[in-house]
Amino acid sequence: MRLRSIIACVPLTACLLLLATAAIPAFAAEPAAASAALPTANPFNRLLKPPAKRNLPPAEDGIHDPTNDGTHALQSPAQGFLPLVKSNFGNQVDWVKSLDENRINPRNELADPTAEPFVFDLNIEREVKGSMPDVVYPHKQHTQWLDCANCHPDIFIPQKGANQISMAAILMGKQCGVCHGKVAFPVSECRKCHSKNKPPVAANAKP
């Protein structure tokens, strides 16, 4: 069985919450329809917390059962994160740099602690319309943590042109949003993915 470490990250920003839930008022006149539709929309919104409530002890995080004695034996994330490389987003940990500097050592196989990951060093570039920088998806940083089967083929079909990706779907917890905003840095950090600037447009170029 494959076991790749997926570390919980912190919430999207409030502005993204507003974008993702902009359609909710339309349900006001139909409370029955609203109650049926809302539970499947943005299931990761439980992570949308202000900075003061990030990295709380397990008994206070709203995820673990505070009545379970085992919950109180768990280490607080804030304490566990102290030796790791700091970041200004998510849960304030740069997991990629922490891994590169050997501050963490994810276990790759449940039954074999010596198993090494299959690291696939390939960048996928996706052109984005408009002036927004293009997306660069680095397989290397993902496969240092995850087995290929975590994403393929259930989330992404491993075939060029087979995946129509949109921010709307991501904000609804699909595609990249299956992890980002839940157990990886929030999609509010646009330039983490939109990292390839477009070439400058000539002044005399036609629109």
N, C-alpha and C. Protein backbone atom coordinates (compact mmCIF):
# COMPACT_ATOMS: atom_id res chain seq x y z
N MET A 1 0.86 -1.21 0.00
CA MET A 1 0.00 0.00 0.00
C MET A 1 0.88 1.25 0.00
N ARG A 2 0.54 2.21 -0.84
CA ARG A 2 1.30 3.44 -0.88
C ARG A 2 0.83 4.39 0.23
N LEU A 3 1.76 5.02 0.86
CA LEU A 3 1.41 6.01 1.86
C LEU A 3 2.31 7.20 1.66
N ARG A 4 1.76 8.29 1.20
CA ARG A 4 2.55 9.49 1.01
C ARG A 4 2.03 10.57 1.93
N SER A 5 2.92 11.27 2.57
CA SER A 5 2.53 12.28 3.54
C SER A 5 1.86 13.46 2.85
N ILE A 6 0.67 13.79 3.35
CA ILE A 6 -0.02 14.99 2.87
C ILE A 6 -0.25 15.85 4.10
N ILE A 7 0.34 17.01 4.15
CA ILE A 7 0.31 17.83 5.35
C ILE A 7 -0.80 18.86 5.26
N ALA A 8 -1.58 18.97 6.34
CA ALA A 8 -2.69 19.89 6.33
C ALA A 8 -2.22 21.33 6.22
N CYS A 9 -2.88 22.06 5.38
CA CYS A 9 -2.54 23.46 5.21
C CYS A 9 -3.74 24.31 5.60
N VAL A 10 -3.53 25.58 5.56
CA VAL A 10 -4.53 26.48 6.04
C VAL A 10 -5.37 27.00 4.91
N PRO A 11 -6.36 27.61 5.24
CA PRO A 11 -7.48 28.16 4.54
C PRO A 11 -7.22 29.11 3.39
N LEU A 12 -8.21 29.13 2.53
CA LEU A 12 -8.28 30.17 1.51
C LEU A 12 -8.63 31.48 2.20
N THR A 13 -8.46 32.57 1.50
CA THR A 13 -8.77 33.86 2.08
C THR A 13 -10.26 34.16 2.01
N ALA A 14 -10.67 35.15 2.79
CA ALA A 14 -12.09 35.48 2.85
C ALA A 14 -12.62 35.93 1.49
N CYS A 15 -11.77 36.59 0.70
CA CYS A 15 -12.25 37.06 -0.61
C CYS A 15 -12.59 35.89 -1.51
N LEU A 16 -11.84 34.83 -1.44
CA LEU A 16 -12.16 33.66 -2.25
C LEU A 16 -13.43 32.99 -1.76
N LEU A 17 -13.65 33.03 -0.46
CA LEU A 17 -14.89 32.49 0.09
C LEU A 17 -16.09 33.24 -0.49
N LEU A 18 -15.95 34.56 -0.59
CA LEU A 18 -17.05 35.36 -1.15
C LEU A 18 -17.29 35.00 -2.61
N LEU A 19 -16.19 34.82 -3.36
CA LEU A 19 -16.34 34.44 -4.77
C LEU A 19 -17.01 33.09 -4.91
N ALA A 20 -16.57 32.15 -4.08
CA ALA A 20 -17.06 30.78 -4.22
C ALA A 20 -18.50 30.62 -3.77
N THR A 21 -18.95 31.52 -2.90
CA THR A 21 -20.31 31.40 -2.36
C THR A 21 -21.23 32.50 -2.88
N ALA A 22 -20.81 33.17 -3.97
CA ALA A 22 -21.59 34.29 -4.48
C ALA A 22 -22.99 33.90 -4.90
N ALA A 23 -23.19 32.64 -5.26
CA ALA A 23 -24.50 32.20 -5.75
C ALA A 23 -25.45 31.82 -4.63
N ILE A 24 -24.99 31.79 -3.40
CA ILE A 24 -25.82 31.32 -2.30
C ILE A 24 -27.12 32.13 -2.12
N PRO A 25 -27.10 33.49 -2.23
CA PRO A 25 -28.35 34.23 -2.06
C PRO A 25 -29.47 33.76 -2.99
N ALA A 26 -29.14 33.20 -4.12
CA ALA A 26 -30.16 32.74 -5.06
C ALA A 26 -31.00 31.62 -4.47
N PHE A 27 -30.49 30.95 -3.44
CA PHE A 27 -31.22 29.86 -2.83
C PHE A 27 -32.16 30.34 -1.70
N ALA A 28 -32.10 31.63 -1.39
CA ALA A 28 -32.83 32.13 -0.23
C ALA A 28 -34.32 31.82 -0.29
N ALA A 29 -34.89 31.91 -1.48
CA ALA A 29 -36.32 31.67 -1.61
C ALA A 29 -36.66 30.19 -1.61
N GLU A 30 -35.65 29.33 -1.71
CA GLU A 30 -35.89 27.90 -1.74
C GLU A 30 -35.00 27.20 -0.71
N PRO A 31 -35.34 27.32 0.59
CA PRO A 31 -34.49 26.75 1.64
C PRO A 31 -34.27 25.26 1.48
N ALA A 32 -35.23 24.52 0.97
CA ALA A 32 -35.07 23.08 0.80
C ALA A 32 -33.99 22.78 -0.23
N ALA A 33 -34.04 23.54 -1.34
CA ALA A 33 -33.04 23.34 -2.39
C ALA A 33 -31.67 23.74 -1.89
N ALA A 34 -31.64 24.83 -1.09
CA ALA A 34 -30.36 25.31 -0.57
C ALA A 34 -29.71 24.27 0.33
N SER A 35 -30.49 23.68 1.22
CA SER A 35 -29.93 22.70 2.14
C SER A 35 -29.44 21.46 1.42
N ALA A 36 -30.07 21.16 0.28
CA ALA A 36 -29.66 19.98 -0.48
C ALA A 36 -28.40 20.27 -1.28
N ALA A 37 -28.23 21.54 -1.73
CA ALA A 37 -27.12 21.86 -2.62
C ALA A 37 -25.85 22.25 -1.87
N LEU A 38 -25.98 22.97 -0.76
CA LEU A 38 -24.82 23.54 -0.10
C LEU A 38 -23.84 22.55 0.50
N PRO A 39 -24.26 21.41 1.05
CA PRO A 39 -23.28 20.52 1.66
C PRO A 39 -22.20 20.03 0.71
N THR A 40 -22.47 20.00 -0.59
CA THR A 40 -21.48 19.52 -1.53
C THR A 40 -20.62 20.66 -2.10
N ALA A 41 -20.96 21.90 -1.78
CA ALA A 41 -20.20 23.04 -2.30
C ALA A 41 -19.12 23.45 -1.31
N ASN A 42 -17.90 23.55 -1.81
CA ASN A 42 -16.78 23.99 -0.99
C ASN A 42 -16.68 23.26 0.35
N PRO A 43 -16.53 21.95 0.36
CA PRO A 43 -16.44 21.23 1.62
C PRO A 43 -15.21 21.59 2.42
N PHE A 44 -14.24 22.29 1.78
CA PHE A 44 -13.03 22.66 2.50
C PHE A 44 -13.16 24.01 3.21
N ASN A 45 -14.35 24.63 3.19
CA ASN A 45 -14.50 25.93 3.82
C ASN A 45 -14.28 25.90 5.32
N ARG A 46 -14.28 24.70 5.90
CA ARG A 46 -14.01 24.61 7.33
C ARG A 46 -12.61 25.10 7.65
N LEU A 47 -11.73 25.18 6.64
CA LEU A 47 -10.38 25.65 6.85
C LEU A 47 -10.25 27.16 6.75
N LEU A 48 -11.32 27.85 6.41
CA LEU A 48 -11.27 29.30 6.26
C LEU A 48 -11.36 29.96 7.63
N LYS A 49 -10.22 30.11 8.26
CA LYS A 49 -10.18 30.68 9.60
C LYS A 49 -9.24 31.88 9.63
N PRO A 50 -9.48 32.83 10.52
CA PRO A 50 -8.56 33.97 10.64
C PRO A 50 -7.22 33.51 11.19
N PRO A 51 -6.16 34.30 10.99
CA PRO A 51 -4.81 33.90 11.43
C PRO A 51 -4.74 33.47 12.89
N ALA A 52 -5.51 34.11 13.76
CA ALA A 52 -5.45 33.78 15.19
C ALA A 52 -5.93 32.36 15.48
N LYS A 53 -6.67 31.77 14.55
CA LYS A 53 -7.21 30.43 14.79
C LYS A 53 -6.53 29.36 13.94
N ARG A 54 -5.37 29.69 13.37
CA ARG A 54 -4.63 28.72 12.59
C ARG A 54 -3.71 27.89 13.48
N ASN A 55 -3.50 26.65 13.10
CA ASN A 55 -2.58 25.75 13.82
C ASN A 55 -2.95 25.59 15.29
N LEU A 56 -4.24 25.51 15.57
CA LEU A 56 -4.71 25.32 16.93
C LEU A 56 -4.40 23.91 17.42
N PRO A 57 -4.39 23.71 18.74
CA PRO A 57 -4.23 22.34 19.26
C PRO A 57 -5.36 21.46 18.73
N PRO A 58 -5.13 20.17 18.56
CA PRO A 58 -6.15 19.28 17.99
C PRO A 58 -7.50 19.37 18.68
N ALA A 59 -7.53 19.54 19.98
CA ALA A 59 -8.80 19.58 20.70
C ALA A 59 -9.60 20.84 20.39
N GLU A 60 -8.97 21.84 19.75
CA GLU A 60 -9.64 23.11 19.48
C GLU A 60 -9.78 23.40 17.99
N ASP A 61 -9.33 22.48 17.13
CA ASP A 61 -9.28 22.80 15.70
C ASP A 61 -10.59 22.55 14.95
N GLY A 62 -11.60 21.98 15.61
CA GLY A 62 -12.87 21.72 14.95
C GLY A 62 -12.85 20.51 14.05
N ILE A 63 -11.73 19.79 14.01
CA ILE A 63 -11.61 18.60 13.19
C ILE A 63 -11.58 17.34 14.05
N HIS A 64 -10.75 17.39 15.12
CA HIS A 64 -10.62 16.24 16.02
C HIS A 64 -11.70 16.27 17.10
N ASP A 65 -11.99 15.12 17.66
CA ASP A 65 -13.01 14.98 18.69
C ASP A 65 -12.42 15.36 20.05
N PRO A 66 -12.85 16.49 20.62
CA PRO A 66 -12.27 16.93 21.89
C PRO A 66 -12.65 16.04 23.07
N THR A 67 -13.65 15.18 22.90
CA THR A 67 -14.05 14.28 23.99
C THR A 67 -13.24 12.99 23.99
N ASN A 68 -12.42 12.81 22.98
CA ASN A 68 -11.58 11.62 22.89
C ASN A 68 -10.25 11.89 23.59
N ASP A 69 -9.88 11.05 24.54
CA ASP A 69 -8.63 11.25 25.28
C ASP A 69 -7.42 11.27 24.35
N GLY A 70 -7.49 10.48 23.27
CA GLY A 70 -6.37 10.44 22.34
C GLY A 70 -6.11 11.77 21.66
N THR A 71 -7.15 12.58 21.48
CA THR A 71 -6.99 13.89 20.85
C THR A 71 -6.05 14.77 21.65
N HIS A 72 -6.16 14.71 22.96
CA HIS A 72 -5.35 15.56 23.83
C HIS A 72 -3.90 15.09 23.91
N ALA A 73 -3.62 13.89 23.42
CA ALA A 73 -2.26 13.37 23.41
C ALA A 73 -1.51 13.77 22.14
N LEU A 74 -2.24 14.32 21.16
CA LEU A 74 -1.62 14.71 19.90
C LEU A 74 -0.84 16.02 20.06
N GLN A 75 0.23 16.12 19.32
CA GLN A 75 1.05 17.33 19.36
C GLN A 75 0.35 18.48 18.66
N SER A 76 0.48 19.68 19.20
CA SER A 76 -0.09 20.86 18.57
C SER A 76 0.69 21.18 17.30
N PRO A 77 0.01 21.48 16.18
CA PRO A 77 0.72 21.83 14.94
C PRO A 77 1.71 22.97 15.13
N ALA A 78 1.32 24.00 15.88
CA ALA A 78 2.21 25.15 16.07
C ALA A 78 3.54 24.72 16.69
N GLN A 79 3.50 23.75 17.59
CA GLN A 79 4.72 23.25 18.20
C GLN A 79 5.51 22.37 17.22
N GLY A 80 4.81 21.52 16.50
CA GLY A 80 5.48 20.64 15.56
C GLY A 80 6.11 21.38 14.39
N PHE A 81 5.56 22.54 14.02
CA PHE A 81 6.05 23.29 12.88
C PHE A 81 7.29 24.14 13.20
N LEU A 82 7.65 24.28 14.45
CA LEU A 82 8.74 25.19 14.84
C LEU A 82 10.05 24.93 14.09
N PRO A 83 10.47 23.68 13.88
CA PRO A 83 11.76 23.46 13.20
C PRO A 83 11.70 23.63 11.68
N LEU A 84 10.52 23.86 11.12
CA LEU A 84 10.37 23.87 9.66
C LEU A 84 10.58 25.26 9.07
N VAL A 85 10.80 25.31 7.77
CA VAL A 85 11.01 26.57 7.07
C VAL A 85 9.71 27.36 7.07
N LYS A 86 9.80 28.62 7.43
CA LYS A 86 8.60 29.45 7.55
C LYS A 86 8.13 29.97 6.20
N SER A 87 6.84 30.27 6.14
CA SER A 87 6.23 30.81 4.93
C SER A 87 5.19 31.84 5.35
N ASN A 88 4.75 32.67 4.41
CA ASN A 88 3.76 33.70 4.71
C ASN A 88 2.35 33.32 4.32
N PHE A 89 2.15 32.08 3.86
CA PHE A 89 0.81 31.68 3.43
C PHE A 89 0.46 30.33 4.03
N GLY A 90 -0.78 29.92 3.81
CA GLY A 90 -1.22 28.63 4.32
C GLY A 90 -1.04 28.54 5.82
N ASN A 91 -0.40 27.47 6.28
CA ASN A 91 -0.16 27.34 7.72
C ASN A 91 1.23 27.82 8.11
N GLN A 92 1.76 28.74 7.30
CA GLN A 92 3.04 29.40 7.56
C GLN A 92 4.23 28.44 7.55
N VAL A 93 4.12 27.37 6.77
CA VAL A 93 5.22 26.42 6.59
C VAL A 93 5.49 26.25 5.10
N ASP A 94 6.75 26.35 4.71
CA ASP A 94 7.13 26.05 3.33
C ASP A 94 7.55 24.58 3.30
N TRP A 95 6.61 23.72 2.89
CA TRP A 95 6.83 22.28 2.95
C TRP A 95 7.88 21.81 1.95
N VAL A 96 7.92 22.43 0.78
CA VAL A 96 8.89 22.02 -0.24
C VAL A 96 10.31 22.32 0.23
N LYS A 97 10.54 23.52 0.75
CA LYS A 97 11.87 23.86 1.26
C LYS A 97 12.23 23.02 2.48
N SER A 98 11.25 22.75 3.31
CA SER A 98 11.51 21.92 4.48
C SER A 98 11.96 20.52 4.07
N LEU A 99 11.35 20.01 3.00
CA LEU A 99 11.74 18.70 2.48
C LEU A 99 13.13 18.77 1.85
N ASP A 100 13.39 19.82 1.07
CA ASP A 100 14.69 19.98 0.41
C ASP A 100 15.83 20.10 1.42
N GLU A 101 15.55 20.70 2.56
CA GLU A 101 16.57 20.89 3.60
C GLU A 101 16.60 19.74 4.60
N ASN A 102 15.87 18.67 4.28
CA ASN A 102 15.85 17.46 5.13
C ASN A 102 15.36 17.73 6.55
N ARG A 103 14.48 18.70 6.68
CA ARG A 103 13.88 18.95 8.00
C ARG A 103 12.70 18.01 8.25
N ILE A 104 12.21 17.40 7.19
CA ILE A 104 11.18 16.38 7.28
C ILE A 104 11.55 15.24 6.36
N ASN A 105 11.07 14.06 6.67
CA ASN A 105 11.39 12.87 5.89
C ASN A 105 10.14 12.01 5.73
N PRO A 106 9.29 12.33 4.74
CA PRO A 106 8.03 11.59 4.56
C PRO A 106 8.28 10.10 4.33
N ARG A 107 7.41 9.29 4.87
CA ARG A 107 7.50 7.84 4.66
C ARG A 107 6.71 7.49 3.40
N ASN A 108 7.31 6.71 2.52
CA ASN A 108 6.72 6.45 1.22
C ASN A 108 5.95 5.14 1.12
N GLU A 109 6.26 4.20 1.98
CA GLU A 109 5.56 2.92 1.99
C GLU A 109 5.12 2.59 3.41
N LEU A 110 3.89 2.13 3.54
CA LEU A 110 3.36 1.78 4.86
C LEU A 110 4.15 0.61 5.45
N ALA A 111 4.45 -0.37 4.62
CA ALA A 111 5.10 -1.59 5.12
C ALA A 111 6.62 -1.54 5.04
N ASP A 112 7.17 -0.59 4.28
CA ASP A 112 8.62 -0.54 4.08
C ASP A 112 9.15 0.86 4.36
N PRO A 113 9.72 1.08 5.54
CA PRO A 113 10.21 2.43 5.88
C PRO A 113 11.42 2.87 5.06
N THR A 114 12.05 1.95 4.32
CA THR A 114 13.21 2.31 3.52
C THR A 114 12.86 2.62 2.06
N ALA A 115 11.61 2.48 1.70
CA ALA A 115 11.19 2.70 0.30
C ALA A 115 11.42 4.15 -0.12
N GLU A 116 11.89 4.32 -1.34
CA GLU A 116 12.15 5.65 -1.89
C GLU A 116 11.01 6.04 -2.83
N PRO A 117 10.69 7.34 -2.91
CA PRO A 117 9.62 7.77 -3.82
C PRO A 117 10.08 7.73 -5.27
N PHE A 118 9.11 7.60 -6.18
CA PHE A 118 9.40 7.73 -7.60
C PHE A 118 9.21 9.20 -7.96
N VAL A 119 10.31 9.93 -8.07
CA VAL A 119 10.25 11.37 -8.32
C VAL A 119 10.30 11.61 -9.82
N PHE A 120 9.26 12.25 -10.33
CA PHE A 120 9.11 12.50 -11.76
C PHE A 120 9.36 13.97 -12.03
N ASP A 121 10.52 14.29 -12.58
CA ASP A 121 10.93 15.69 -12.77
C ASP A 121 10.47 16.18 -14.14
N LEU A 122 9.24 16.63 -14.21
CA LEU A 122 8.66 17.13 -15.46
C LEU A 122 7.70 18.26 -15.16
N ASN A 123 7.91 19.40 -15.80
CA ASN A 123 7.01 20.53 -15.64
C ASN A 123 5.98 20.54 -16.77
N ILE A 124 4.72 20.77 -16.39
CA ILE A 124 3.64 20.91 -17.37
C ILE A 124 3.24 22.38 -17.40
N GLU A 125 3.28 22.99 -18.57
CA GLU A 125 2.89 24.40 -18.70
C GLU A 125 1.53 24.49 -19.36
N ARG A 126 0.67 25.32 -18.78
CA ARG A 126 -0.67 25.52 -19.32
C ARG A 126 -0.87 27.01 -19.61
N GLU A 127 -1.19 27.29 -20.86
CA GLU A 127 -1.39 28.68 -21.27
C GLU A 127 -2.71 29.20 -20.71
N VAL A 128 -2.68 30.41 -20.22
CA VAL A 128 -3.86 31.04 -19.63
C VAL A 128 -4.24 32.26 -20.47
N LYS A 129 -5.52 32.42 -20.71
CA LYS A 129 -5.98 33.56 -21.50
C LYS A 129 -5.80 34.86 -20.73
N GLY A 130 -5.71 35.96 -21.47
CA GLY A 130 -5.58 37.26 -20.85
C GLY A 130 -4.16 37.53 -20.38
N SER A 131 -4.04 38.47 -19.44
CA SER A 131 -2.72 38.90 -18.98
C SER A 131 -2.20 38.08 -17.80
N MET A 132 -3.02 37.20 -17.26
CA MET A 132 -2.59 36.38 -16.12
C MET A 132 -1.42 35.49 -16.54
N PRO A 133 -0.37 35.41 -15.72
CA PRO A 133 0.75 34.52 -16.07
C PRO A 133 0.29 33.09 -16.27
N ASP A 134 1.01 32.36 -17.12
CA ASP A 134 0.67 30.97 -17.40
C ASP A 134 1.00 30.09 -16.19
N VAL A 135 0.37 28.94 -16.16
CA VAL A 135 0.54 28.00 -15.05
C VAL A 135 1.68 27.04 -15.35
N VAL A 136 2.53 26.81 -14.36
CA VAL A 136 3.57 25.79 -14.44
C VAL A 136 3.29 24.77 -13.33
N TYR A 137 3.02 23.55 -13.74
CA TYR A 137 2.77 22.48 -12.76
C TYR A 137 4.03 21.62 -12.65
N PRO A 138 4.70 21.63 -11.49
CA PRO A 138 5.92 20.83 -11.33
C PRO A 138 5.62 19.44 -10.77
N HIS A 139 5.83 18.41 -11.57
CA HIS A 139 5.63 17.05 -11.08
C HIS A 139 6.60 16.72 -9.94
N LYS A 140 7.82 17.26 -10.03
CA LYS A 140 8.84 16.88 -9.04
C LYS A 140 8.37 17.12 -7.61
N GLN A 141 7.93 18.35 -7.33
CA GLN A 141 7.52 18.68 -5.96
C GLN A 141 6.32 17.87 -5.50
N HIS A 142 5.48 17.46 -6.45
CA HIS A 142 4.31 16.66 -6.08
C HIS A 142 4.67 15.20 -5.84
N THR A 143 5.53 14.66 -6.71
CA THR A 143 5.86 13.25 -6.57
C THR A 143 6.87 12.99 -5.45
N GLN A 144 7.43 14.03 -4.87
CA GLN A 144 8.24 13.85 -3.66
C GLN A 144 7.34 13.45 -2.49
N TRP A 145 6.05 13.80 -2.61
CA TRP A 145 5.09 13.51 -1.54
C TRP A 145 4.08 12.43 -1.93
N LEU A 146 3.72 12.42 -3.19
CA LEU A 146 2.58 11.62 -3.63
C LEU A 146 2.95 10.59 -4.67
N ASP A 147 2.26 9.47 -4.65
CA ASP A 147 2.39 8.48 -5.71
C ASP A 147 1.53 8.92 -6.90
N CYS A 148 1.92 8.54 -8.09
CA CYS A 148 1.18 8.93 -9.30
C CYS A 148 -0.31 8.57 -9.18
N ALA A 149 -0.61 7.44 -8.55
CA ALA A 149 -1.99 6.96 -8.45
C ALA A 149 -2.86 7.86 -7.58
N ASN A 150 -2.25 8.77 -6.81
CA ASN A 150 -3.06 9.70 -6.03
C ASN A 150 -3.85 10.66 -6.92
N CYS A 151 -3.30 10.95 -8.11
CA CYS A 151 -3.95 11.90 -9.01
C CYS A 151 -4.45 11.27 -10.31
N HIS A 152 -3.75 10.24 -10.77
CA HIS A 152 -4.08 9.64 -12.08
C HIS A 152 -4.65 8.23 -11.91
N PRO A 153 -5.76 7.94 -12.59
CA PRO A 153 -6.50 8.79 -13.54
C PRO A 153 -7.75 9.43 -12.95
N ASP A 154 -7.99 9.24 -11.65
CA ASP A 154 -9.28 9.69 -11.07
C ASP A 154 -9.45 11.20 -11.08
N ILE A 155 -8.37 11.95 -10.81
CA ILE A 155 -8.48 13.42 -10.77
C ILE A 155 -8.07 14.02 -12.10
N PHE A 156 -6.96 13.54 -12.64
CA PHE A 156 -6.47 14.04 -13.93
C PHE A 156 -6.17 12.85 -14.85
N ILE A 157 -6.69 12.90 -16.06
CA ILE A 157 -6.39 11.87 -17.06
C ILE A 157 -4.99 12.16 -17.60
N PRO A 158 -4.07 11.21 -17.53
CA PRO A 158 -2.69 11.46 -17.99
C PRO A 158 -2.56 11.45 -19.51
N GLN A 159 -3.19 12.43 -20.13
CA GLN A 159 -3.17 12.54 -21.59
C GLN A 159 -3.28 14.01 -21.97
N LYS A 160 -2.45 14.46 -22.88
CA LYS A 160 -2.43 15.85 -23.28
C LYS A 160 -3.80 16.28 -23.83
N GLY A 161 -4.32 17.39 -23.32
CA GLY A 161 -5.59 17.93 -23.79
C GLY A 161 -6.83 17.28 -23.20
N ALA A 162 -6.64 16.31 -22.31
CA ALA A 162 -7.79 15.57 -21.78
C ALA A 162 -8.41 16.22 -20.55
N ASN A 163 -7.76 17.24 -20.00
CA ASN A 163 -8.25 17.85 -18.76
C ASN A 163 -8.54 19.33 -18.96
N GLN A 164 -9.81 19.70 -18.88
CA GLN A 164 -10.22 21.09 -18.99
C GLN A 164 -10.28 21.67 -17.58
N ILE A 165 -9.26 22.43 -17.21
CA ILE A 165 -9.15 22.93 -15.84
C ILE A 165 -9.68 24.35 -15.76
N SER A 166 -10.43 24.65 -14.70
CA SER A 166 -10.96 25.99 -14.50
C SER A 166 -10.88 26.36 -13.04
N MET A 167 -10.76 27.66 -12.76
CA MET A 167 -10.71 28.12 -11.38
C MET A 167 -12.04 27.87 -10.67
N ALA A 168 -13.13 27.90 -11.42
CA ALA A 168 -14.44 27.63 -10.82
C ALA A 168 -14.47 26.22 -10.23
N ALA A 169 -13.98 25.25 -11.00
CA ALA A 169 -13.94 23.87 -10.53
C ALA A 169 -13.00 23.72 -9.34
N ILE A 170 -11.84 24.39 -9.40
CA ILE A 170 -10.87 24.32 -8.31
C ILE A 170 -11.46 24.88 -7.03
N LEU A 171 -12.16 26.00 -7.13
CA LEU A 171 -12.77 26.61 -5.94
C LEU A 171 -13.90 25.75 -5.36
N MET A 172 -14.44 24.87 -6.19
CA MET A 172 -15.48 23.96 -5.71
C MET A 172 -14.89 22.66 -5.18
N GLY A 173 -13.57 22.63 -5.03
CA GLY A 173 -12.92 21.46 -4.44
C GLY A 173 -12.65 20.35 -5.42
N LYS A 174 -12.61 20.67 -6.72
CA LYS A 174 -12.31 19.66 -7.73
C LYS A 174 -10.95 19.95 -8.35
N GLN A 175 -10.47 19.03 -9.17
CA GLN A 175 -9.19 19.18 -9.86
C GLN A 175 -8.10 19.55 -8.84
N CYS A 176 -7.39 20.66 -9.03
CA CYS A 176 -6.34 21.05 -8.09
C CYS A 176 -6.90 21.28 -6.69
N GLY A 177 -8.18 21.67 -6.61
CA GLY A 177 -8.82 21.96 -5.33
C GLY A 177 -9.09 20.73 -4.49
N VAL A 178 -8.85 19.53 -5.03
CA VAL A 178 -8.97 18.32 -4.22
C VAL A 178 -7.99 18.39 -3.06
N CYS A 179 -6.81 18.96 -3.30
CA CYS A 179 -5.79 19.09 -2.25
C CYS A 179 -5.56 20.54 -1.82
N HIS A 180 -5.45 21.44 -2.80
CA HIS A 180 -5.10 22.82 -2.46
C HIS A 180 -6.29 23.53 -1.82
N GLY A 181 -6.02 24.05 -0.62
CA GLY A 181 -7.08 24.62 0.20
C GLY A 181 -7.52 23.65 1.27
N LYS A 182 -7.09 22.39 1.15
CA LYS A 182 -7.42 21.37 2.16
C LYS A 182 -6.14 20.88 2.84
N VAL A 183 -5.26 20.27 2.05
CA VAL A 183 -4.04 19.70 2.61
C VAL A 183 -2.80 20.23 1.90
N ALA A 184 -2.93 21.31 1.16
CA ALA A 184 -1.80 21.95 0.49
C ALA A 184 -2.09 23.44 0.46
N PHE A 185 -1.09 24.24 0.07
CA PHE A 185 -1.27 25.70 0.19
C PHE A 185 -2.54 26.15 -0.53
N PRO A 186 -3.19 27.19 0.00
CA PRO A 186 -4.47 27.65 -0.57
C PRO A 186 -4.30 28.29 -1.94
N VAL A 187 -5.34 28.20 -2.75
CA VAL A 187 -5.28 28.74 -4.11
C VAL A 187 -5.33 30.26 -4.14
N SER A 188 -5.42 30.89 -2.98
CA SER A 188 -5.33 32.34 -2.92
C SER A 188 -3.92 32.82 -3.27
N GLU A 189 -2.94 31.92 -3.18
CA GLU A 189 -1.57 32.26 -3.54
C GLU A 189 -1.39 32.07 -5.05
N CYS A 190 -1.94 32.99 -5.82
CA CYS A 190 -2.03 32.84 -7.27
C CYS A 190 -0.68 32.58 -7.94
N ARG A 191 0.36 33.33 -7.53
CA ARG A 191 1.63 33.24 -8.22
C ARG A 191 2.40 31.96 -7.92
N LYS A 192 1.93 31.17 -6.96
CA LYS A 192 2.56 29.88 -6.72
C LYS A 192 2.35 28.96 -7.92
N CYS A 193 1.23 29.12 -8.60
CA CYS A 193 0.93 28.29 -9.79
C CYS A 193 1.08 29.10 -11.07
N HIS A 194 0.56 30.33 -11.07
CA HIS A 194 0.67 31.20 -12.24
C HIS A 194 2.04 31.87 -12.19
N SER A 195 3.07 31.10 -12.53
CA SER A 195 4.44 31.56 -12.29
C SER A 195 5.24 31.91 -13.55
N LYS A 196 4.66 31.68 -14.72
CA LYS A 196 5.38 31.97 -15.96
C LYS A 196 4.80 33.22 -16.62
N ASN A 197 5.55 34.31 -16.56
CA ASN A 197 5.08 35.55 -17.15
C ASN A 197 5.01 35.45 -18.67
N LYS A 198 4.02 36.12 -19.23
CA LYS A 198 3.89 36.16 -20.69
C LYS A 198 4.92 37.15 -21.26
N PRO A 199 5.36 36.93 -22.49
CA PRO A 199 6.29 37.89 -23.10
C PRO A 199 5.61 39.24 -23.26
N PRO A 200 6.38 40.34 -23.14
CA PRO A 200 5.78 41.67 -23.28
C PRO A 200 5.18 41.88 -24.67
N VAL A 201 4.08 42.59 -24.69
CA VAL A 201 3.39 42.87 -25.96
C VAL A 201 3.98 44.14 -26.57
N ALA A 202 4.34 44.08 -27.84
CA ALA A 202 4.91 45.26 -28.51
C ALA A 202 3.91 46.39 -28.54
N ALA A 203 4.42 47.62 -28.43
CA ALA A 203 3.56 48.80 -28.36
C ALA A 203 2.69 48.94 -29.60
N ASN A 204 3.19 48.53 -30.77
CA ASN A 204 2.42 48.69 -32.01
C ASN A 204 1.64 47.43 -32.39
N ALA A 205 1.61 46.47 -31.46
CA ALA A 205 0.90 45.22 -31.77
C ALA A 205 -0.61 45.46 -31.77
N LYS A 206 -1.30 44.80 -32.69
CA LYS A 206 -2.75 44.93 -32.74
C LYS A 206 -3.38 44.09 -31.65
N PRO A 207 -4.49 44.57 -31.01
CA PRO A 207 -5.15 43.82 -29.94
C PRO A 207 -5.75 42.53 -30.46
